[in-house]
PDB file of N, CA and C in Angstrom:
ATOM      1  N   MET A   1       1.001  -1.189  -0.061  1.00  0.00           N
ATOM      2  CA  MET A   1       0.069   0.039  -0.284  1.00  0.00           C
ATOM      3  C   MET A   1       0.870   1.654  -0.070  1.00  0.00           C
ATOM      4  N   LYS A   2       1.774   1.147   0.693  1.00  0.00           N
ATOM      5  CA  LYS A   2       2.999   2.573   0.961  1.00  0.00           C
ATOM      6  C   LYS A   2       3.430   2.769  -0.454  1.00  0.00           C
ATOM      7  N   LYS A   3       3.813   1.938  -1.335  1.00  0.00           N
ATOM      8  CA  LYS A   3       4.420   1.925  -2.773  1.00  0.00           C
ATOM      9  C   LYS A   3       3.540   2.649  -3.461  1.00  0.00           C
ATOM     10  N   SER A   4       2.027   1.983  -3.513  1.00  0.00           N
ATOM     11  CA  SER A   4       1.038   2.748  -4.109  1.00  0.00           C
ATOM     12  C   SER A   4       0.927   3.936  -4.018  1.00  0.00           C
ATOM     13  N   LEU A   5       0.710   4.542  -2.635  1.00  0.00           N
ATOM     14  CA  LEU A   5       0.281   5.765  -2.104  1.00  0.00           C
ATOM     15  C   LEU A   5       1.891   6.795  -2.925  1.00  0.00           C
ATOM     16  N   GLU A   6       2.905   6.400  -2.832  1.00  0.00           N
ATOM     17  CA  GLU A   6       3.949   7.155  -3.183  1.00  0.00           C
ATOM     18  C   GLU A   6       3.927   7.453  -4.414  1.00  0.00           C
ATOM     19  N   ILE A   7       3.445   6.405  -5.615  1.00  0.00           N
ATOM     20  CA  ILE A   7       3.379   6.640  -6.967  1.00  0.00           C
ATOM     21  C   ILE A   7       2.210   7.791  -7.007  1.00  0.00           C
ATOM     22  N   VAL A   8       1.187   7.549  -6.215  1.00  0.00           N
ATOM     23  CA  VAL A   8      -0.049   8.803  -6.713  1.00  0.00           C
ATOM     24  C   VAL A   8       0.427   9.899  -6.076  1.00  0.00           C
ATOM     25  N   LEU A   9       1.162   9.978  -5.119  1.00  0.00           N
ATOM     26  CA  LEU A   9       1.810  11.412  -4.607  1.00  0.00           C
ATOM     27  C   LEU A   9       2.693  11.867  -5.658  1.00  0.00           C
ATOM     28  N   SER A  10       3.616  10.955  -6.083  1.00  0.00           N
ATOM     29  CA  SER A  10       4.467  11.567  -7.202  1.00  0.00           C
ATOM     30  C   SER A  10       3.669  12.013  -8.457  1.00  0.00           C
ATOM     31  N   ALA A  11       2.939  11.390  -8.882  1.00  0.00           N
ATOM     32  CA  ALA A  11       1.831  11.665 -10.119  1.00  0.00           C
ATOM     33  C   ALA A  11       1.345  13.290  -9.907  1.00  0.00           C
ATOM     34  N   LYS A  12       0.757  13.383  -8.700  1.00  0.00           N
ATOM     35  CA  LYS A  12       0.176  14.607  -8.096  1.00  0.00           C
ATOM     36  C   LYS A  12       1.293  15.765  -7.697  1.00  0.00           C
ATOM     37  N   ARG A  13       2.262  15.349  -7.541  1.00  0.00           N
ATOM     38  CA  ARG A  13       3.300  16.356  -7.602  1.00  0.00           C
ATOM     39  C   ARG A  13       3.800  16.605  -8.903  1.00  0.00           C
ATOM     40  N   ASN A  14       3.687  16.101 -10.017  1.00  0.00           N
ATOM     41  CA  ASN A  14       4.158  16.094 -11.584  1.00  0.00           C
ATOM     42  C   ASN A  14       2.931  16.926 -12.001  1.00  0.00           C
ATOM     43  N   GLY A  15       1.790  17.106 -11.624  1.00  0.00           N
ATOM     44  CA  GLY A  15       0.788  17.672 -12.143  1.00  0.00           C
ATOM     45  C   GLY A  15      -0.443  16.812 -12.901  1.00  0.00           C
ATOM     46  N   ALA A  16      -0.336  15.333 -12.671  1.00  0.00           N
ATOM     47  CA  ALA A  16      -1.206  14.383 -13.253  1.00  0.00           C
ATOM     48  C   ALA A  16      -2.703  14.664 -12.696  1.00  0.00           C
ATOM     49  N   ARG A  17      -3.397  14.693 -13.466  1.00  0.00           N
ATOM     50  CA  ARG A  17      -5.244  15.000 -13.048  1.00  0.00           C
ATOM     51  C   ARG A  17      -5.639  13.357 -13.084  1.00  0.00           C
ATOM     52  N   ILE A  18      -5.380  12.597 -13.886  1.00  0.00           N
ATOM     53  CA  ILE A  18      -5.829  11.420 -13.799  1.00  0.00           C
ATOM     54  C   ILE A  18      -4.494  10.527 -13.812  1.00  0.00           C
ATOM     55  N   ILE A  19      -4.947   8.913 -13.474  1.00  0.00           N
ATOM     56  CA  ILE A  19      -4.263   7.961 -13.734  1.00  0.00           C
ATOM     57  C   ILE A  19      -4.585   6.832 -14.411  1.00  0.00           C
ATOM     58  N   VAL A  20      -3.840   6.323 -15.738  1.00  0.00           N
ATOM     59  CA  VAL A  20      -4.492   5.472 -16.515  1.00  0.00           C
ATOM     60  C   VAL A  20      -3.677   4.035 -16.650  1.00  0.00           C
ATOM     61  N   THR A  21      -3.870   2.827 -16.080  1.00  0.00           N
ATOM     62  CA  THR A  21      -2.960   1.902 -16.291  1.00  0.00           C
ATOM     63  C   THR A  21      -3.655   0.691 -16.878  1.00  0.00           C
ATOM     64  N   THR A  22      -2.616   0.046 -17.499  1.00  0.00           N
ATOM     65  CA  THR A  22      -3.131  -1.128 -18.263  1.00  0.00           C
ATOM     66  C   THR A  22      -3.215  -2.504 -17.269  1.00  0.00           C
ATOM     67  N   CYS A  23      -3.625  -2.317 -15.916  1.00  0.00           N
ATOM     68  CA  CYS A  23      -3.260  -3.524 -15.157  1.00  0.00           C
ATOM     69  C   CYS A  23      -4.314  -3.216 -14.007  1.00  0.00           C
ATOM     70  N   PRO A  24      -5.307  -4.178 -14.015  1.00  0.00           N
ATOM     71  CA  PRO A  24      -6.386  -3.990 -13.166  1.00  0.00           C
ATOM     72  C   PRO A  24      -6.039  -3.744 -11.622  1.00  0.00           C
ATOM     73  N   LEU A  25      -5.083  -4.615 -11.270  1.00  0.00           N
ATOM     74  CA  LEU A  25      -4.961  -5.116  -9.738  1.00  0.00           C
ATOM     75  C   LEU A  25      -4.249  -3.646  -9.523  1.00  0.00           C
ATOM     76  N   CYS A  26      -3.286  -3.041 -10.565  1.00  0.00           N
ATOM     77  CA  CYS A  26      -2.731  -1.843 -10.131  1.00  0.00           C
ATOM     78  C   CYS A  26      -3.575  -0.456 -10.044  1.00  0.00           C
ATOM     79  N   ALA A  27      -4.744  -0.677 -10.822  1.00  0.00           N
ATOM     80  CA  ALA A  27      -5.767   0.389 -10.714  1.00  0.00           C
ATOM     81  C   ALA A  27      -6.727   0.308  -9.404  1.00  0.00           C
ATOM     82  N   TYR A  28      -6.525  -0.921  -8.923  1.00  0.00           N
ATOM     83  CA  TYR A  28      -7.445  -1.246  -7.755  1.00  0.00           C
ATOM     84  C   TYR A  28      -6.181  -0.837  -6.427  1.00  0.00           C
ATOM     85  N   ASN A  29      -5.101  -1.240  -6.544  1.00  0.00           N
ATOM     86  CA  ASN A  29      -4.182  -0.516  -5.402  1.00  0.00           C
ATOM     87  C   ASN A  29      -4.058   0.989  -5.454  1.00  0.00           C
ATOM     88  N   LEU A  30      -4.020   1.633  -6.617  1.00  0.00           N
ATOM     89  CA  LEU A  30      -3.688   3.052  -6.807  1.00  0.00           C
ATOM     90  C   LEU A  30      -5.316   3.743  -5.858  1.00  0.00           C
ATOM     91  N   GLU A  31      -6.280   3.199  -6.251  1.00  0.00           N
ATOM     92  CA  GLU A  31      -7.400   3.474  -5.642  1.00  0.00           C
ATOM     93  C   GLU A  31      -7.520   3.316  -3.713  1.00  0.00           C
ATOM     94  N   GLU A  32      -7.234   2.284  -3.769  1.00  0.00           N
ATOM     95  CA  GLU A  32      -7.143   1.948  -2.240  1.00  0.00           C
ATOM     96  C   GLU A  32      -6.098   2.356  -1.413  1.00  0.00           C
ATOM     97  N   ALA A  33      -5.125   2.866  -2.112  1.00  0.00           N
ATOM     98  CA  ALA A  33      -3.785   3.730  -1.507  1.00  0.00           C
ATOM     99  C   ALA A  33      -4.459   4.894  -1.054  1.00  0.00           C
ATOM    100  N   GLN A  34      -5.139   5.410  -2.052  1.00  0.00           N
ATOM    101  CA  GLN A  34      -5.897   7.026  -1.690  1.00  0.00           C
ATOM    102  C   GLN A  34      -6.557   7.081  -0.865  1.00  0.00           C
ATOM    103  N   LYS A  35      -7.316   6.173  -0.696  1.00  0.00           N
ATOM    104  CA  LYS A  35      -8.350   5.948   0.810  1.00  0.00           C
ATOM    105  C   LYS A  35      -7.553   6.116   1.779  1.00  0.00           C
ATOM    106  N   TYR A  36      -6.556   5.630   1.965  1.00  0.00           N
ATOM    107  CA  TYR A  36      -5.832   5.601   3.360  1.00  0.00           C
ATOM    108  C   TYR A  36      -4.607   6.763   3.409  1.00  0.00           C
ATOM    109  N   GLY A  37      -4.583   7.198   2.331  1.00  0.00           N
ATOM    110  CA  GLY A  37      -3.354   8.610   2.271  1.00  0.00           C
ATOM    111  C   GLY A  37      -4.054   9.697   1.845  1.00  0.00           C
ATOM    112  N   ILE A  38      -5.371   9.717   2.218  1.00  0.00           N
ATOM    113  CA  ILE A  38      -5.994  11.019   1.872  1.00  0.00           C
ATOM    114  C   ILE A  38      -5.519  12.390   2.453  1.00  0.00           C
ATOM    115  N   LYS A  39      -5.065  12.089   3.495  1.00  0.00           N
ATOM    116  CA  LYS A  39      -4.468  13.344   4.061  1.00  0.00           C
ATOM    117  C   LYS A  39      -2.937  13.819   3.510  1.00  0.00           C
ATOM    118  N   GLU A  40      -2.547  12.949   3.186  1.00  0.00           N
ATOM    119  CA  GLU A  40      -0.939  13.182   2.093  1.00  0.00           C
ATOM    120  C   GLU A  40      -1.386  14.101   1.008  1.00  0.00           C
ATOM    121  N   LEU A  41      -2.437  13.351   0.292  1.00  0.00           N
ATOM    122  CA  LEU A  41      -3.209  13.762  -0.773  1.00  0.00           C
ATOM    123  C   LEU A  41      -4.089  15.338  -0.983  1.00  0.00           C
ATOM    124  N   GLY A  42      -3.933  15.857   0.150  1.00  0.00           N
ATOM    125  CA  GLY A  42      -4.454  17.320   0.388  1.00  0.00           C
ATOM    126  C   GLY A  42      -6.079  17.054   0.619  1.00  0.00           C
ATOM    127  N   GLY A  43      -6.471  15.925   0.658  1.00  0.00           N
ATOM    128  CA  GLY A  43      -8.110  15.636   0.764  1.00  0.00           C
ATOM    129  C   GLY A  43      -8.424  15.544  -0.603  1.00  0.00           C
ATOM    130  N   GLU A  44      -7.703  15.622  -1.997  1.00  0.00           N
ATOM    131  CA  GLU A  44      -8.387  15.282  -3.097  1.00  0.00           C
ATOM    132  C   GLU A  44      -7.852  14.093  -4.076  1.00  0.00           C
ATOM    133  N   GLU A  45      -8.710  13.209  -4.009  1.00  0.00           N
ATOM    134  CA  GLU A  45      -8.026  11.876  -4.564  1.00  0.00           C
ATOM    135  C   GLU A  45      -7.813  12.143  -6.274  1.00  0.00           C
ATOM    136  N   ILE A  46      -6.978  11.404  -6.975  1.00  0.00           N
ATOM    137  CA  ILE A  46      -6.955  11.341  -8.214  1.00  0.00           C
ATOM    138  C   ILE A  46      -7.677  10.328  -9.103  1.00  0.00           C
ATOM    139  N   PRO A  47      -8.513  10.626 -10.110  1.00  0.00           N
ATOM    140  CA  PRO A  47      -8.924   9.581 -10.331  1.00  0.00           C
ATOM    141  C   PRO A  47      -8.332   8.395 -11.437  1.00  0.00           C
ATOM    142  N   VAL A  48      -8.574   7.016 -11.046  1.00  0.00           N
ATOM    143  CA  VAL A  48      -7.608   6.213 -11.590  1.00  0.00           C
ATOM    144  C   VAL A  48      -8.595   5.610 -12.563  1.00  0.00           C
ATOM    145  N   PHE A  49      -8.138   5.075 -13.934  1.00  0.00           N
ATOM    146  CA  PHE A  49      -8.888   4.118 -14.713  1.00  0.00           C
ATOM    147  C   PHE A  49      -7.949   3.065 -15.054  1.00  0.00           C
ATOM    148  N   TYR A  50      -8.815   2.254 -15.566  1.00  0.00           N
ATOM    149  CA  TYR A  50      -8.078   0.964 -16.375  1.00  0.00           C
ATOM    150  C   TYR A  50      -8.256   1.249 -17.640  1.00  0.00           C
ATOM    151  N   VAL A  51      -7.520   0.712 -18.685  1.00  0.00           N
ATOM    152  CA  VAL A  51      -7.458   1.325 -19.851  1.00  0.00           C
ATOM    153  C   VAL A  51      -8.816   0.791 -20.693  1.00  0.00           C
ATOM    154  N   PRO A  52      -9.349  -0.396 -20.663  1.00  0.00           N
ATOM    155  CA  PRO A  52     -10.560  -0.643 -21.069  1.00  0.00           C
ATOM    156  C   PRO A  52     -11.757   0.403 -20.742  1.00  0.00           C
ATOM    157  N   GLU A  53     -11.849   0.942 -19.647  1.00  0.00           N
ATOM    158  CA  GLU A  53     -12.678   1.889 -19.311  1.00  0.00           C
ATOM    159  C   GLU A  53     -12.469   3.098 -19.667  1.00  0.00           C
ATOM    160  N   PHE A  54     -11.250   3.556 -19.973  1.00  0.00           N
ATOM    161  CA  PHE A  54     -10.704   4.760 -20.568  1.00  0.00           C
ATOM    162  C   PHE A  54     -11.030   4.470 -21.916  1.00  0.00           C
ATOM    163  N   LEU A  55     -11.032   3.577 -22.721  1.00  0.00           N
ATOM    164  CA  LEU A  55     -11.331   3.514 -24.297  1.00  0.00           C
ATOM    165  C   LEU A  55     -13.119   3.387 -24.203  1.00  0.00           C
ATOM    166  N   CYS A  56     -13.627   2.635 -23.605  1.00  0.00           N
ATOM    167  CA  CYS A  56     -15.087   2.954 -23.511  1.00  0.00           C
ATOM    168  C   CYS A  56     -15.310   3.851 -23.914  1.00  0.00           C
ATOM    169  N   TYR A  57     -15.028   5.037 -22.816  1.00  0.00           N
ATOM    170  CA  TYR A  57     -15.577   6.101 -22.670  1.00  0.00           C
ATOM    171  C   TYR A  57     -15.355   7.092 -23.901  1.00  0.00           C
ATOM    172  N   ALA A  58     -13.847   6.858 -24.206  1.00  0.00           N
ATOM    173  CA  ALA A  58     -13.499   7.642 -25.470  1.00  0.00           C
ATOM    174  C   ALA A  58     -14.094   7.289 -26.765  1.00  0.00           C
ATOM    175  N   LEU A  59     -14.623   5.954 -27.178  1.00  0.00           N
ATOM    176  CA  LEU A  59     -15.261   6.025 -28.076  1.00  0.00           C
ATOM    177  C   LEU A  59     -16.621   5.394 -27.992  1.00  0.00           C
ATOM    178  N   GLY A  60     -17.250   6.030 -26.647  1.00  0.00           N
ATOM    179  CA  GLY A  60     -18.711   6.351 -26.970  1.00  0.00           C
ATOM    180  C   GLY A  60     -19.552   5.085 -26.300  1.00  0.00           C
ATOM    181  N   PHE A  61     -18.802   4.345 -25.617  1.00  0.00           N
ATOM    182  CA  PHE A  61     -19.707   3.145 -25.244  1.00  0.00           C
ATOM    183  C   PHE A  61     -19.865   3.123 -24.032  1.00  0.00           C
ATOM    184  N   ASP A  62     -20.642   4.459 -23.586  1.00  0.00           N
ATOM    185  CA  ASP A  62     -20.926   4.417 -21.944  1.00  0.00           C
ATOM    186  C   ASP A  62     -21.799   3.794 -21.138  1.00  0.00           C
ATOM    187  N   GLU A  63     -22.676   2.897 -21.999  1.00  0.00           N
ATOM    188  CA  GLU A  63     -23.579   1.895 -21.470  1.00  0.00           C
ATOM    189  C   GLU A  63     -22.618   0.368 -20.993  1.00  0.00           C
ATOM    190  N   GLY A  64     -21.261   0.644 -21.564  1.00  0.00           N
ATOM    191  CA  GLY A  64     -20.753  -0.651 -20.817  1.00  0.00           C
ATOM    192  C   GLY A  64     -20.092  -0.405 -19.298  1.00  0.00           C
ATOM    193  N   LEU A  65     -20.243   0.971 -19.176  1.00  0.00           N
ATOM    194  CA  LEU A  65     -19.295   1.159 -17.871  1.00  0.00           C
ATOM    195  C   LEU A  65     -20.474   1.580 -16.440  1.00  0.00           C
ATOM    196  N   GLU A  66     -19.875   1.220 -15.517  1.00  0.00           N
ATOM    197  CA  GLU A  66     -20.418   1.194 -14.249  1.00  0.00           C
ATOM    198  C   GLU A  66     -20.518   2.698 -14.037  1.00  0.00           C
ATOM    199  N   PRO A  67     -21.715   3.143 -13.364  1.00  0.00           N
ATOM    200  CA  PRO A  67     -22.235   4.711 -12.936  1.00  0.00           C
ATOM    201  C   PRO A  67     -20.818   5.111 -12.202  1.00  0.00           C
ATOM    202  N   GLN A  68     -20.186   4.584 -11.371  1.00  0.00           N
ATOM    203  CA  GLN A  68     -19.052   5.425 -10.612  1.00  0.00           C
ATOM    204  C   GLN A  68     -18.100   5.646 -11.509  1.00  0.00           C
ATOM    205  N   ILE A  69     -17.721   4.609 -12.634  1.00  0.00           N
ATOM    206  CA  ILE A  69     -17.024   4.981 -13.575  1.00  0.00           C
ATOM    207  C   ILE A  69     -17.074   6.659 -14.501  1.00  0.00           C
ATOM    208  N   LEU A  70     -18.444   6.477 -14.901  1.00  0.00           N
ATOM    209  CA  LEU A  70     -19.108   7.625 -15.617  1.00  0.00           C
ATOM    210  C   LEU A  70     -18.908   8.714 -14.689  1.00  0.00           C
ATOM    211  N   GLU A  71     -19.229   8.657 -13.569  1.00  0.00           N
ATOM    212  CA  GLU A  71     -19.289   9.811 -12.569  1.00  0.00           C
ATOM    213  C   GLU A  71     -17.580  10.476 -12.455  1.00  0.00           C
ATOM    214  N   LYS A  72     -16.714   9.718 -12.378  1.00  0.00           N
ATOM    215  CA  LYS A  72     -15.156  10.202 -12.523  1.00  0.00           C
ATOM    216  C   LYS A  72     -15.284  10.835 -13.809  1.00  0.00           C
ATOM    217  N   PHE A  73     -15.557  10.139 -14.790  1.00  0.00           N
ATOM    218  CA  PHE A  73     -15.491  11.076 -16.022  1.00  0.00           C
ATOM    219  C   PHE A  73     -16.068  12.425 -16.295  1.00  0.00           C
ATOM    220  N   GLU A  74     -17.301  12.534 -15.667  1.00  0.00           N
ATOM    221  CA  GLU A  74     -17.826  13.873 -15.724  1.00  0.00           C
ATOM    222  C   GLU A  74     -17.375  14.765 -14.631  1.00  0.00           C
ATOM    223  N   LYS A  75     -16.611  14.322 -13.732  1.00  0.00           N
ATOM    224  CA  LYS A  75     -15.941  15.049 -12.724  1.00  0.00           C
ATOM    225  C   LYS A  75     -14.939  15.681 -13.523  1.00  0.00           C
ATOM    226  N   ILE A  76     -13.970  14.711 -14.068  1.00  0.00           N
ATOM    227  CA  ILE A  76     -12.689  15.156 -14.634  1.00  0.00           C
ATOM    228  C   ILE A  76     -13.274  16.565 -15.793  1.00  0.00           C
ATOM    229  N   LEU A  77     -14.222  16.059 -16.633  1.00  0.00           N
ATOM    230  CA  LEU A  77     -14.359  16.971 -17.941  1.00  0.00           C
ATOM    231  C   LEU A  77     -15.799  18.005 -17.539  1.00  0.00           C
ATOM    232  N   GLY A  78     -16.310  18.023 -16.242  1.00  0.00           N
ATOM    233  CA  GLY A  78     -17.144  18.985 -16.145  1.00  0.00           C
ATOM    234  C   GLY A  78     -18.405  18.214 -16.938  1.00  0.00           C
ATOM    235  N   GLU A  79     -19.618  19.164 -17.276  1.00  0.00           N
ATOM    236  CA  GLU A  79     -20.711  18.962 -17.925  1.00  0.00           C
ATOM    237  C   GLU A  79     -20.419  18.478 -19.325  1.00  0.00           C
ATOM    238  N   SER A  80     -19.302  19.312 -19.905  1.00  0.00           N
ATOM    239  CA  SER A  80     -19.248  19.090 -21.312  1.00  0.00           C
ATOM    240  C   SER A  80     -18.822  17.856 -21.523  1.00  0.00           C
ATOM    241  N   ASN A  81     -19.252  17.367 -22.737  1.00  0.00           N
ATOM    242  CA  ASN A  81     -18.782  16.010 -23.247  1.00  0.00           C
ATOM    243  C   ASN A  81     -17.766  15.792 -24.239  1.00  0.00           C
ATOM    244  N   GLY A  82     -16.450  16.097 -23.359  1.00  0.00           N
ATOM    245  CA  GLY A  82     -15.448  16.409 -24.204  1.00  0.00           C
ATOM    246  C   GLY A  82     -14.492  15.449 -24.836  1.00  0.00           C
ATOM    247  N   ARG A  83     -15.207  14.468 -25.696  1.00  0.00           N
ATOM    248  CA  ARG A  83     -14.430  13.333 -26.386  1.00  0.00           C
ATOM    249  C   ARG A  83     -13.511  13.614 -27.508  1.00  0.00           C
TER     250      ARG A  83
END
């Protein structure tokens, strides 16, 4: 968990707004690490996506995504549908 939090903190320090990974277990670990290290992150999590989720959204296949994934995209993009 510590290493995953270090990765997220490094991403944040370097200006990342999202994290996209090819590994589903990595995505899970990065999300969970943020829950435990929310103070170090200044109270703001960085959205983490697994590549197939990212591609589904980018290609317009929203119906294949879970509601919490769609909420992450809407939060990042605001109400505009910037594909």
